[in-house]
């Protein structure tokens, strides 16, 4: 079964992998928002990292919201019906390519906090 990464984002936050930003993406302190999320299902208990406490969005920043060409972001959610057709493109061979990543690239923390 394949599922979209958005389902995992709140779980990734609770596992200590990062914080959710206004562009609804997970931002990791070291790697920023240029990360892809995957999952492995295990029948074992694992110890998570502490929940991230660093701030990911400057208080008055709305760069990701302003740059979105389809207005899919409001600072709390993303309208997937607007975002997905522009962001993801399926090739003839079944690969998914990212066509639009403006909200990722304009973020001051795209490559990590303090980068």
Protein backbone atom coordinates (compact mmCIF):
# COMPACT_ATOMS: atom_id res chain seq x y z
CA UNK A 1 0.00 0.00 0.00
CA UNK A 2 1.32 3.44 -0.92
CA UNK A 3 0.14 6.56 0.84
CA UNK A 4 1.02 10.21 0.56
CA UNK A 5 3.58 11.78 2.91
CA UNK A 6 1.09 14.33 4.29
CA UNK A 7 -0.44 11.56 6.40
CA UNK A 8 2.89 11.08 8.14
CA UNK A 9 3.76 14.72 8.85
CA UNK A 10 2.03 15.03 12.25
CA UNK A 11 3.55 11.68 13.25
CA UNK A 12 7.00 12.87 12.14
CA UNK A 13 6.61 15.94 14.35
CA UNK A 14 5.64 13.78 17.33
CA UNK A 15 8.62 11.50 16.61
CA UNK A 16 10.97 14.50 16.90
CA UNK A 17 11.90 14.73 13.22
CA UNK A 18 10.94 18.38 12.82
CA UNK A 19 8.18 20.97 13.05
CA UNK A 20 5.33 21.77 10.71
CA UNK A 21 5.68 25.13 8.98
CA UNK A 22 3.20 27.55 7.43
CA UNK A 23 3.74 25.85 4.08
CA UNK A 24 2.46 22.67 5.82
CA UNK A 25 5.81 20.95 5.25
CA UNK A 26 7.99 19.38 7.88
CA UNK A 27 11.11 21.45 8.59
CA UNK A 28 14.05 19.67 10.13
CA UNK A 29 16.64 21.74 12.01
CA UNK A 30 19.54 20.28 10.00
CA UNK A 31 17.96 19.50 6.60
CA UNK A 32 15.21 22.14 6.31
CA UNK A 33 12.14 21.31 4.24
CA UNK A 34 14.03 19.63 1.40
CA UNK A 35 13.32 16.16 2.77
CA UNK A 36 11.10 13.29 1.68
CA UNK A 37 9.19 11.26 4.25
CA UNK A 38 8.76 7.50 4.14
CA UNK A 39 7.71 4.86 6.63
CA UNK A 40 8.50 1.32 7.61
CA UNK A 41 5.89 -0.58 9.61
CA UNK A 42 7.38 -2.57 12.50
CA UNK A 43 6.03 -4.77 15.22
CA UNK A 44 8.35 -3.26 17.82
CA UNK A 45 8.42 -0.34 20.20
CA UNK A 46 10.91 2.36 19.33
CA UNK A 47 12.05 5.34 21.35
CA UNK A 48 11.42 8.61 19.52
CA UNK A 49 13.51 11.73 19.73
CA UNK A 50 12.27 14.63 21.88
CA UNK A 51 9.63 16.73 20.13
CA UNK A 52 11.36 19.57 18.29
CA UNK A 53 11.02 22.88 20.10
CA UNK A 54 12.82 25.21 17.67
CA UNK A 55 10.85 27.84 15.76
CA UNK A 56 10.57 27.22 12.04
CA UNK A 57 8.71 30.26 10.73
CA UNK A 58 9.68 33.83 11.52
CA UNK A 59 6.67 35.58 13.12
CA UNK A 60 5.75 37.83 10.19
CA UNK A 61 6.94 35.60 7.33
CA UNK A 62 4.44 34.75 4.60
CA UNK A 63 6.83 34.11 1.72
CA UNK A 64 5.52 30.60 1.04
CA UNK A 65 1.91 31.76 1.09
CA UNK A 66 2.60 34.75 -1.15
CA UNK A 67 4.61 32.79 -3.74
CA UNK A 68 2.08 29.97 -4.26
CA UNK A 69 0.82 30.40 -7.85
CA UNK A 70 -2.54 28.75 -7.14
CA UNK A 71 -3.23 30.17 -3.66
CA UNK A 72 -3.25 26.72 -2.05
CA UNK A 73 -1.69 27.84 1.25
CA UNK A 74 -3.31 29.81 4.05
CA UNK A 75 -0.64 29.37 6.74
CA UNK A 76 -2.38 26.46 8.45
CA UNK A 77 -3.49 24.08 5.71
CA UNK A 78 -2.95 23.33 2.05
CA UNK A 79 -5.76 22.85 -0.46
CA UNK A 80 -4.51 19.64 -2.07
CA UNK A 81 -6.89 19.93 -5.04
CA UNK A 82 -5.09 23.14 -6.00
CA UNK A 83 -1.54 22.14 -5.07
CA UNK A 84 -1.21 18.54 -6.32
CA UNK A 85 -1.94 19.09 -10.04
CA UNK A 86 0.74 21.77 -10.22
CA UNK A 87 3.25 20.24 -7.79
CA UNK A 88 3.24 16.63 -8.94
CA UNK A 89 3.49 15.37 -12.49
CA UNK A 90 3.22 11.72 -13.44
CA UNK A 91 5.42 10.58 -16.33
CA UNK A 92 4.54 7.97 -18.93
CA UNK A 93 6.71 5.48 -17.01
CA UNK A 94 4.84 6.13 -13.74
CA UNK A 95 7.41 8.31 -12.01
CA UNK A 96 6.25 11.31 -10.00
CA UNK A 97 8.17 14.52 -10.71
CA UNK A 98 7.97 17.70 -8.65
CA UNK A 99 7.08 20.54 -11.02
CA UNK A 100 6.43 23.26 -8.47
CA UNK A 101 8.34 23.66 -5.23
CA UNK A 102 8.14 27.41 -4.84
CA UNK A 103 6.88 27.20 -1.25
CA UNK A 104 9.88 25.00 -0.39
CA UNK A 105 12.54 27.01 -2.17
CA UNK A 106 11.46 30.48 -0.98
CA UNK A 107 11.49 29.40 2.68
CA UNK A 108 14.34 31.00 4.67
CA UNK A 109 14.91 27.56 6.27
CA UNK A 110 14.73 25.49 3.08
CA UNK A 111 18.13 23.95 3.79
CA UNK A 112 17.99 24.00 7.59
CA UNK A 113 17.59 26.44 10.45
CA UNK A 114 20.24 29.14 10.14
CA UNK A 115 21.34 28.16 6.63
